[in-house]
Structure formats: C-alpha cells, structure tokens
C-alpha cells in the first residue's frame, strides 16, 4: 500500500508546502499533502519567497494551495508530520478518540538530534536554512519507508 503523509505548519504557505514539495521529489511514490492549523491563507499559493527558494533547488510548489487541517485528516493519512511543537499540540487537540494515526515532528527524521523544530521562514526570512533542514528531514523520512 502506498503511504499517505501529511505535512502541517501554521499557515500552510511556507514550511509544510515546502516539505510536501521536497518530499514528493525525493519519494515520488508516496501520496503527500500539506495543511495549516490556521485558516488565514486557505486557497492561497505558497508564499512567493518560499516558492522562489524552492524553485532555485528544483522544487516546484506552484500547484499547491493552502488548506486548513481538519480532524478527518487522521483518517486520510498514515502519518502526520508537524513542523513544530505548537503545531503538534494543535493537531493532537483535534485527534478523534478512536484514531491511532501517528503524529510526529518532521525533525524526528533529522540527522542532528538538536533540531527540534523547523523554523518559520515567514518570520526568520531564512528560506534557504529552512529548506536545508526540510531536505535533511525528508531524506531521513524516506529512508524509513
């Protein structure tokens, strides 16, 4: 069965669409999606500067559109990956009582154990640094499948 993985951040315009775009190149046979815990950007494409940074590395995010995480995602995915602890807490707060779908941090797949979250480049402006970490985590994740 083809694994189904959901990447989740706050607004679904920087980190989670970048993770989805990177992972679908690294592991093209895996079904992926991304979402945000917030509703502010629903329907919008990824943030322009994130798209530019990703495109420079060969990752096209232009077909992605932001959507909000919903409790039904627990039934649609085999693994849900949060970009930081706050996202993880918001996801877990929506967990249906009968769901056993694993929710982890994307950085659980980083080679550096000190990496405990994916920094939000919308605020840090470090799009390349965020993509470096996402690529590392994506390779680590792919190695587990």
N, C-alpha and C. Protein backbone atom coordinates (compact mmCIF):
# COMPACT_ATOMS: atom_id res chain seq x y z
N UNK A 1 0.84 -1.18 0.00
CA UNK A 1 0.00 0.00 0.00
C UNK A 1 0.88 1.24 0.00
N UNK A 2 0.50 2.23 -0.76
CA UNK A 2 1.24 3.48 -0.85
C UNK A 2 1.04 4.30 0.42
N UNK A 3 2.13 4.69 1.09
CA UNK A 3 1.97 5.51 2.30
C UNK A 3 1.36 6.88 1.96
N UNK A 4 0.60 7.41 2.92
CA UNK A 4 -0.02 8.72 2.78
C UNK A 4 0.48 9.59 3.94
N UNK A 5 1.17 10.68 3.59
CA UNK A 5 1.81 11.53 4.60
C UNK A 5 1.31 12.96 4.47
N UNK A 6 0.97 13.56 5.60
CA UNK A 6 0.51 14.95 5.65
C UNK A 6 1.52 15.78 6.43
N UNK A 7 1.93 16.89 5.85
CA UNK A 7 2.86 17.84 6.48
C UNK A 7 2.04 19.04 6.96
N UNK A 8 2.25 19.46 8.22
CA UNK A 8 1.42 20.51 8.80
C UNK A 8 2.27 21.60 9.46
N UNK A 9 1.96 22.86 9.14
CA UNK A 9 2.56 24.01 9.82
C UNK A 9 1.43 24.95 10.25
N UNK A 10 1.74 26.19 10.47
CA UNK A 10 0.75 27.14 10.96
C UNK A 10 -0.19 27.63 9.86
N UNK A 11 0.37 28.25 8.82
CA UNK A 11 -0.47 28.86 7.78
C UNK A 11 -0.52 28.10 6.47
N UNK A 12 0.32 27.08 6.32
CA UNK A 12 0.39 26.27 5.10
C UNK A 12 0.80 27.09 3.88
N UNK A 13 1.73 28.06 4.09
CA UNK A 13 2.25 28.82 2.95
C UNK A 13 3.77 28.77 2.87
N UNK A 14 4.45 28.24 3.89
CA UNK A 14 5.92 28.17 3.84
C UNK A 14 6.43 26.76 4.12
N UNK A 15 6.46 26.39 5.39
CA UNK A 15 7.12 25.14 5.79
C UNK A 15 6.44 23.88 5.27
N UNK A 16 5.14 23.74 5.50
CA UNK A 16 4.51 22.48 5.10
C UNK A 16 4.40 22.31 3.59
N UNK A 17 4.11 23.35 2.80
CA UNK A 17 4.14 23.12 1.36
C UNK A 17 5.56 22.85 0.86
N UNK A 18 6.55 23.48 1.49
CA UNK A 18 7.94 23.20 1.09
C UNK A 18 8.27 21.74 1.40
N UNK A 19 7.85 21.25 2.57
CA UNK A 19 8.12 19.85 2.93
C UNK A 19 7.41 18.91 1.95
N UNK A 20 6.18 19.25 1.60
CA UNK A 20 5.47 18.42 0.63
C UNK A 20 6.18 18.43 -0.72
N UNK A 21 6.56 19.61 -1.19
CA UNK A 21 7.23 19.72 -2.48
C UNK A 21 8.56 18.99 -2.53
N UNK A 22 9.33 19.09 -1.47
CA UNK A 22 10.61 18.40 -1.39
C UNK A 22 10.38 16.89 -1.35
N UNK A 23 9.44 16.46 -0.50
CA UNK A 23 9.25 15.03 -0.31
C UNK A 23 8.68 14.35 -1.56
N UNK A 24 7.84 15.04 -2.30
CA UNK A 24 7.30 14.39 -3.49
C UNK A 24 8.36 14.21 -4.58
N UNK A 25 9.46 14.96 -4.51
CA UNK A 25 10.58 14.72 -5.43
C UNK A 25 11.45 13.57 -4.91
N UNK A 26 11.70 13.58 -3.61
CA UNK A 26 12.55 12.55 -3.00
C UNK A 26 11.86 11.18 -3.00
N UNK A 27 10.56 11.16 -2.75
CA UNK A 27 9.80 9.90 -2.68
C UNK A 27 8.53 10.02 -3.52
N UNK A 28 8.67 9.99 -4.84
CA UNK A 28 7.53 10.25 -5.72
C UNK A 28 6.40 9.24 -5.62
N UNK A 29 6.63 8.06 -5.06
CA UNK A 29 5.58 7.05 -4.95
C UNK A 29 4.73 7.21 -3.71
N UNK A 30 5.07 8.16 -2.85
CA UNK A 30 4.31 8.39 -1.63
C UNK A 30 3.25 9.45 -1.90
N UNK A 31 2.06 9.25 -1.39
CA UNK A 31 0.99 10.26 -1.51
C UNK A 31 1.21 11.30 -0.43
N UNK A 32 1.25 12.57 -0.81
CA UNK A 32 1.51 13.64 0.15
C UNK A 32 0.46 14.74 0.04
N UNK A 33 0.38 15.50 1.11
CA UNK A 33 -0.46 16.70 1.14
C UNK A 33 0.14 17.58 2.23
N UNK A 34 -0.36 18.79 2.32
CA UNK A 34 0.06 19.69 3.39
C UNK A 34 -1.14 20.51 3.84
N UNK A 35 -1.06 21.00 5.08
CA UNK A 35 -2.15 21.77 5.66
C UNK A 35 -1.59 22.69 6.72
N UNK A 36 -2.42 23.62 7.16
CA UNK A 36 -2.06 24.52 8.24
C UNK A 36 -3.05 24.41 9.37
N UNK A 37 -2.60 24.68 10.58
CA UNK A 37 -3.53 24.66 11.71
C UNK A 37 -4.39 25.92 11.72
N UNK A 38 -3.93 26.97 11.05
CA UNK A 38 -4.69 28.22 10.96
C UNK A 38 -5.45 28.30 9.65
N UNK A 39 -6.39 29.22 9.58
CA UNK A 39 -7.26 29.36 8.42
C UNK A 39 -6.93 30.57 7.53
N UNK A 40 -5.97 31.39 7.90
CA UNK A 40 -5.76 32.69 7.27
C UNK A 40 -5.45 32.63 5.79
N UNK A 41 -4.82 31.58 5.32
CA UNK A 41 -4.33 31.56 3.94
C UNK A 41 -5.03 30.52 3.06
N UNK A 42 -6.14 29.97 3.51
CA UNK A 42 -6.84 28.93 2.76
C UNK A 42 -7.05 29.38 1.31
N UNK A 43 -6.65 28.51 0.40
CA UNK A 43 -6.81 28.77 -1.04
C UNK A 43 -5.65 29.50 -1.68
N UNK A 44 -4.73 30.02 -0.87
CA UNK A 44 -3.59 30.78 -1.41
C UNK A 44 -2.44 29.85 -1.80
N UNK A 45 -1.63 30.27 -2.77
CA UNK A 45 -0.42 29.51 -3.11
C UNK A 45 0.64 29.72 -2.03
N UNK A 46 1.69 28.90 -2.03
CA UNK A 46 2.78 29.13 -1.09
C UNK A 46 3.36 30.54 -1.25
N UNK A 47 3.90 31.04 -0.15
CA UNK A 47 4.50 32.37 -0.10
C UNK A 47 5.54 32.52 -1.20
N UNK A 48 5.53 33.64 -1.90
CA UNK A 48 6.39 33.85 -3.07
C UNK A 48 7.87 33.61 -2.81
N UNK A 49 8.39 34.12 -1.70
CA UNK A 49 9.82 33.94 -1.41
C UNK A 49 10.15 32.48 -1.13
N UNK A 50 9.22 31.73 -0.55
CA UNK A 50 9.44 30.29 -0.35
C UNK A 50 9.41 29.58 -1.69
N UNK A 51 8.49 29.95 -2.55
CA UNK A 51 8.45 29.35 -3.88
C UNK A 51 9.76 29.62 -4.63
N UNK A 52 10.25 30.85 -4.54
CA UNK A 52 11.50 31.20 -5.23
C UNK A 52 12.67 30.37 -4.72
N UNK A 53 12.79 30.25 -3.40
CA UNK A 53 13.89 29.48 -2.81
C UNK A 53 13.78 28.01 -3.18
N UNK A 54 12.58 27.47 -3.16
CA UNK A 54 12.38 26.07 -3.52
C UNK A 54 12.67 25.84 -5.00
N UNK A 55 12.18 26.74 -5.85
CA UNK A 55 12.40 26.61 -7.29
C UNK A 55 13.89 26.62 -7.63
N UNK A 56 14.66 27.43 -6.90
CA UNK A 56 16.11 27.51 -7.14
C UNK A 56 16.80 26.17 -6.87
N UNK A 57 16.14 25.31 -6.08
CA UNK A 57 16.68 23.98 -5.76
C UNK A 57 16.01 22.88 -6.58
N UNK A 58 15.12 23.26 -7.47
CA UNK A 58 14.45 22.27 -8.31
C UNK A 58 13.14 21.74 -7.76
N UNK A 59 12.55 22.43 -6.80
CA UNK A 59 11.27 22.01 -6.21
C UNK A 59 10.19 23.00 -6.62
N UNK A 60 9.19 22.52 -7.33
CA UNK A 60 8.11 23.38 -7.81
C UNK A 60 6.92 23.28 -6.85
N UNK A 61 6.56 24.40 -6.22
CA UNK A 61 5.45 24.44 -5.28
C UNK A 61 4.23 25.13 -5.87
N UNK A 62 4.31 25.54 -7.13
CA UNK A 62 3.30 26.43 -7.72
C UNK A 62 1.90 25.82 -7.80
N UNK A 63 1.77 24.51 -7.80
CA UNK A 63 0.45 23.89 -7.90
C UNK A 63 -0.22 23.70 -6.54
N UNK A 64 0.47 24.00 -5.46
CA UNK A 64 -0.07 23.79 -4.12
C UNK A 64 -0.93 24.97 -3.68
N UNK A 65 -1.95 24.68 -2.87
CA UNK A 65 -2.82 25.71 -2.32
C UNK A 65 -3.06 25.38 -0.84
N UNK A 66 -3.06 26.42 -0.04
CA UNK A 66 -3.21 26.24 1.41
C UNK A 66 -4.60 25.71 1.76
N UNK A 67 -4.61 24.86 2.75
CA UNK A 67 -5.86 24.38 3.32
C UNK A 67 -5.66 24.22 4.82
N UNK A 68 -6.75 24.15 5.53
CA UNK A 68 -6.68 24.03 6.98
C UNK A 68 -6.77 22.56 7.38
N UNK A 69 -5.98 22.19 8.37
CA UNK A 69 -6.03 20.84 8.94
C UNK A 69 -7.41 20.61 9.54
N UNK A 70 -7.95 19.42 9.32
CA UNK A 70 -9.25 19.04 9.89
C UNK A 70 -9.12 17.67 10.55
N UNK A 71 -10.00 17.38 11.48
CA UNK A 71 -9.95 16.12 12.21
C UNK A 71 -10.02 14.92 11.27
N UNK A 72 -10.72 15.05 10.16
CA UNK A 72 -10.81 13.96 9.19
C UNK A 72 -9.47 13.57 8.59
N UNK A 73 -8.46 14.44 8.70
CA UNK A 73 -7.13 14.10 8.19
C UNK A 73 -6.54 12.90 8.91
N UNK A 74 -6.96 12.65 10.14
CA UNK A 74 -6.47 11.48 10.87
C UNK A 74 -6.87 10.19 10.16
N UNK A 75 -8.01 10.20 9.47
CA UNK A 75 -8.47 9.02 8.74
C UNK A 75 -7.89 8.93 7.33
N UNK A 76 -7.44 10.05 6.79
CA UNK A 76 -6.96 10.07 5.40
C UNK A 76 -5.47 9.82 5.26
N UNK A 77 -4.72 9.91 6.37
CA UNK A 77 -3.27 9.79 6.29
C UNK A 77 -2.73 8.73 7.24
N UNK A 78 -1.58 8.16 6.86
CA UNK A 78 -0.92 7.14 7.68
C UNK A 78 0.06 7.76 8.66
N UNK A 79 0.50 8.99 8.37
CA UNK A 79 1.46 9.69 9.22
C UNK A 79 1.22 11.18 9.04
N UNK A 80 1.19 11.89 10.16
CA UNK A 80 1.03 13.34 10.14
C UNK A 80 2.28 13.93 10.77
N UNK A 81 2.93 14.85 10.04
CA UNK A 81 4.18 15.44 10.50
C UNK A 81 4.02 16.93 10.72
N UNK A 82 4.26 17.36 11.95
CA UNK A 82 4.18 18.76 12.33
C UNK A 82 5.55 19.42 12.22
N UNK A 83 5.54 20.71 11.94
CA UNK A 83 6.80 21.44 11.80
C UNK A 83 7.36 21.91 13.14
N UNK A 84 6.50 22.04 14.16
CA UNK A 84 6.99 22.44 15.48
C UNK A 84 6.03 21.92 16.55
N UNK A 85 6.43 22.10 17.80
CA UNK A 85 5.66 21.59 18.92
C UNK A 85 4.28 22.21 19.05
N UNK A 86 4.16 23.49 18.72
CA UNK A 86 2.85 24.14 18.79
C UNK A 86 1.90 23.54 17.76
N UNK A 87 2.40 23.31 16.54
CA UNK A 87 1.57 22.66 15.52
C UNK A 87 1.16 21.28 16.00
N UNK A 88 2.10 20.54 16.56
CA UNK A 88 1.81 19.20 17.05
C UNK A 88 0.72 19.23 18.11
N UNK A 89 0.79 20.17 19.03
CA UNK A 89 -0.23 20.29 20.08
C UNK A 89 -1.61 20.60 19.49
N UNK A 90 -1.66 21.49 18.50
CA UNK A 90 -2.95 21.81 17.87
C UNK A 90 -3.52 20.59 17.14
N UNK A 91 -2.66 19.84 16.49
CA UNK A 91 -3.11 18.63 15.79
C UNK A 91 -3.66 17.62 16.80
N UNK A 92 -2.90 17.37 17.85
CA UNK A 92 -3.32 16.39 18.86
C UNK A 92 -4.63 16.79 19.53
N UNK A 93 -4.87 18.08 19.68
CA UNK A 93 -6.11 18.56 20.30
C UNK A 93 -7.32 18.21 19.44
N UNK A 94 -7.10 17.94 18.17
CA UNK A 94 -8.21 17.60 17.26
C UNK A 94 -8.33 16.10 17.03
N UNK A 95 -7.48 15.31 17.66
CA UNK A 95 -7.46 13.86 17.42
C UNK A 95 -8.78 13.23 17.85
N UNK A 96 -9.42 12.49 16.93
CA UNK A 96 -10.61 11.73 17.32
C UNK A 96 -10.22 10.63 18.32
N UNK A 97 -11.12 10.31 19.20
CA UNK A 97 -10.83 9.33 20.27
C UNK A 97 -10.40 7.98 19.73
N UNK A 98 -10.89 7.60 18.56
CA UNK A 98 -10.58 6.27 18.02
C UNK A 98 -9.40 6.26 17.05
N UNK A 99 -8.67 7.36 16.93
CA UNK A 99 -7.57 7.45 15.96
C UNK A 99 -6.24 7.02 16.57
N UNK A 100 -5.54 6.19 15.82
CA UNK A 100 -4.20 5.77 16.22
C UNK A 100 -3.15 6.30 15.24
N UNK A 101 -3.54 7.21 14.35
CA UNK A 101 -2.60 7.75 13.37
C UNK A 101 -1.45 8.45 14.08
N UNK A 102 -0.22 8.06 13.76
CA UNK A 102 0.93 8.71 14.41
C UNK A 102 1.07 10.17 13.99
N UNK A 103 1.39 11.00 14.97
CA UNK A 103 1.70 12.41 14.73
C UNK A 103 3.08 12.63 15.33
N UNK A 104 4.00 13.10 14.49
CA UNK A 104 5.38 13.32 14.93
C UNK A 104 5.86 14.66 14.41
N UNK A 105 7.01 15.06 14.89
CA UNK A 105 7.68 16.23 14.36
C UNK A 105 8.48 15.83 13.13
N UNK A 106 8.50 16.66 12.10
CA UNK A 106 9.33 16.38 10.94
C UNK A 106 10.79 16.23 11.35
N UNK A 107 11.21 17.01 12.33
CA UNK A 107 12.61 16.98 12.77
C UNK A 107 12.97 15.68 13.48
N UNK A 108 12.00 14.82 13.77
CA UNK A 108 12.34 13.49 14.29
C UNK A 108 13.17 12.71 13.28
N UNK A 109 13.15 13.15 12.03
CA UNK A 109 13.88 12.48 10.95
C UNK A 109 15.15 13.22 10.57
N UNK A 110 15.55 14.21 11.36
CA UNK A 110 16.77 14.97 11.10
C UNK A 110 17.97 14.18 11.58
N UNK A 111 19.09 14.37 10.93
CA UNK A 111 20.33 13.71 11.37
C UNK A 111 20.92 14.40 12.59
N UNK A 112 20.52 15.63 12.86
CA UNK A 112 21.01 16.39 14.01
C UNK A 112 19.97 16.32 15.13
N UNK A 113 20.28 15.62 16.23
CA UNK A 113 19.30 15.49 17.30
C UNK A 113 18.95 16.82 17.97
N UNK A 114 19.73 17.86 17.74
CA UNK A 114 19.44 19.17 18.32
C UNK A 114 18.33 19.90 17.56
N UNK A 115 18.01 19.42 16.35
CA UNK A 115 16.96 20.05 15.55
C UNK A 115 15.61 19.62 16.12
N UNK A 116 14.95 20.54 16.83
CA UNK A 116 13.69 20.18 17.48
C UNK A 116 12.47 20.81 16.83
N UNK A 117 12.67 21.63 15.80
CA UNK A 117 11.56 22.22 15.05
C UNK A 117 12.09 22.79 13.74
N UNK A 118 11.19 22.99 12.80
CA UNK A 118 11.54 23.64 11.54
C UNK A 118 11.20 25.12 11.72
N UNK A 119 12.20 26.00 11.72
CA UNK A 119 11.94 27.43 11.91
C UNK A 119 11.06 27.98 10.78
N UNK A 120 10.20 28.93 11.14
CA UNK A 120 9.27 29.51 10.18
C UNK A 120 9.96 30.65 9.42
N UNK A 121 10.27 30.44 8.13
CA UNK A 121 10.99 31.46 7.37
C UNK A 121 10.15 32.70 7.09
N UNK A 122 8.84 32.60 7.26
CA UNK A 122 7.99 33.78 7.10
C UNK A 122 8.42 34.84 8.11
N UNK A 123 8.89 34.37 9.27
CA UNK A 123 9.34 35.28 10.33
C UNK A 123 10.86 35.44 10.36
N UNK A 124 11.60 34.33 10.15
CA UNK A 124 13.06 34.40 10.23
C UNK A 124 13.69 34.95 8.96
N UNK A 125 12.97 34.82 7.83
CA UNK A 125 13.44 35.22 6.49
C UNK A 125 14.57 34.31 5.98
N UNK A 126 14.86 33.22 6.68
CA UNK A 126 15.92 32.28 6.28
C UNK A 126 15.30 31.11 5.51
N UNK A 127 14.88 31.38 4.29
CA UNK A 127 14.23 30.36 3.47
C UNK A 127 15.20 29.23 3.11
N UNK A 128 16.45 29.57 2.83
CA UNK A 128 17.42 28.53 2.49
C UNK A 128 17.74 27.64 3.68
N UNK A 129 17.88 28.23 4.86
CA UNK A 129 18.14 27.43 6.05
C UNK A 129 16.99 26.48 6.35
N UNK A 130 15.77 26.97 6.18
CA UNK A 130 14.60 26.12 6.39
C UNK A 130 14.58 24.99 5.38
N UNK A 131 14.86 25.29 4.12
CA UNK A 131 14.90 24.25 3.10
C UNK A 131 16.02 23.24 3.34
N UNK A 132 17.17 23.70 3.84
CA UNK A 132 18.25 22.76 4.18
C UNK A 132 17.75 21.73 5.17
N UNK A 133 17.08 22.20 6.23
CA UNK A 133 16.59 21.29 7.26
C UNK A 133 15.48 20.39 6.72
N UNK A 134 14.57 20.95 5.95
CA UNK A 134 13.50 20.14 5.37
C UNK A 134 14.07 19.05 4.47
N UNK A 135 15.06 19.37 3.65
CA UNK A 135 15.66 18.35 2.78
C UNK A 135 16.30 17.25 3.60
N UNK A 136 17.01 17.60 4.65
CA UNK A 136 17.64 16.61 5.52
C UNK A 136 16.59 15.69 6.14
N UNK A 137 15.54 16.30 6.67
CA UNK A 137 14.46 15.52 7.29
C UNK A 137 13.75 14.65 6.27
N UNK A 138 13.51 15.17 5.09
CA UNK A 138 12.82 14.41 4.03
C UNK A 138 13.63 13.17 3.64
N UNK A 139 14.94 13.33 3.54
CA UNK A 139 15.79 12.17 3.22
C UNK A 139 15.74 11.14 4.36
N UNK A 140 15.77 11.63 5.59
CA UNK A 140 15.68 10.73 6.74
C UNK A 140 14.35 10.01 6.78
N UNK A 141 13.27 10.71 6.50
CA UNK A 141 11.95 10.11 6.45
C UNK A 141 11.87 9.05 5.35
N UNK A 142 12.34 9.40 4.17
CA UNK A 142 12.28 8.46 3.04
C UNK A 142 13.04 7.18 3.36
N UNK A 143 14.12 7.29 4.10
CA UNK A 143 14.92 6.11 4.45
C UNK A 143 14.16 5.16 5.38
N UNK A 144 13.10 5.65 6.04
CA UNK A 144 12.34 4.80 6.95
C UNK A 144 11.18 4.07 6.27
N UNK A 145 10.89 4.46 5.04
CA UNK A 145 9.73 3.87 4.34
C UNK A 145 10.10 2.61 3.59
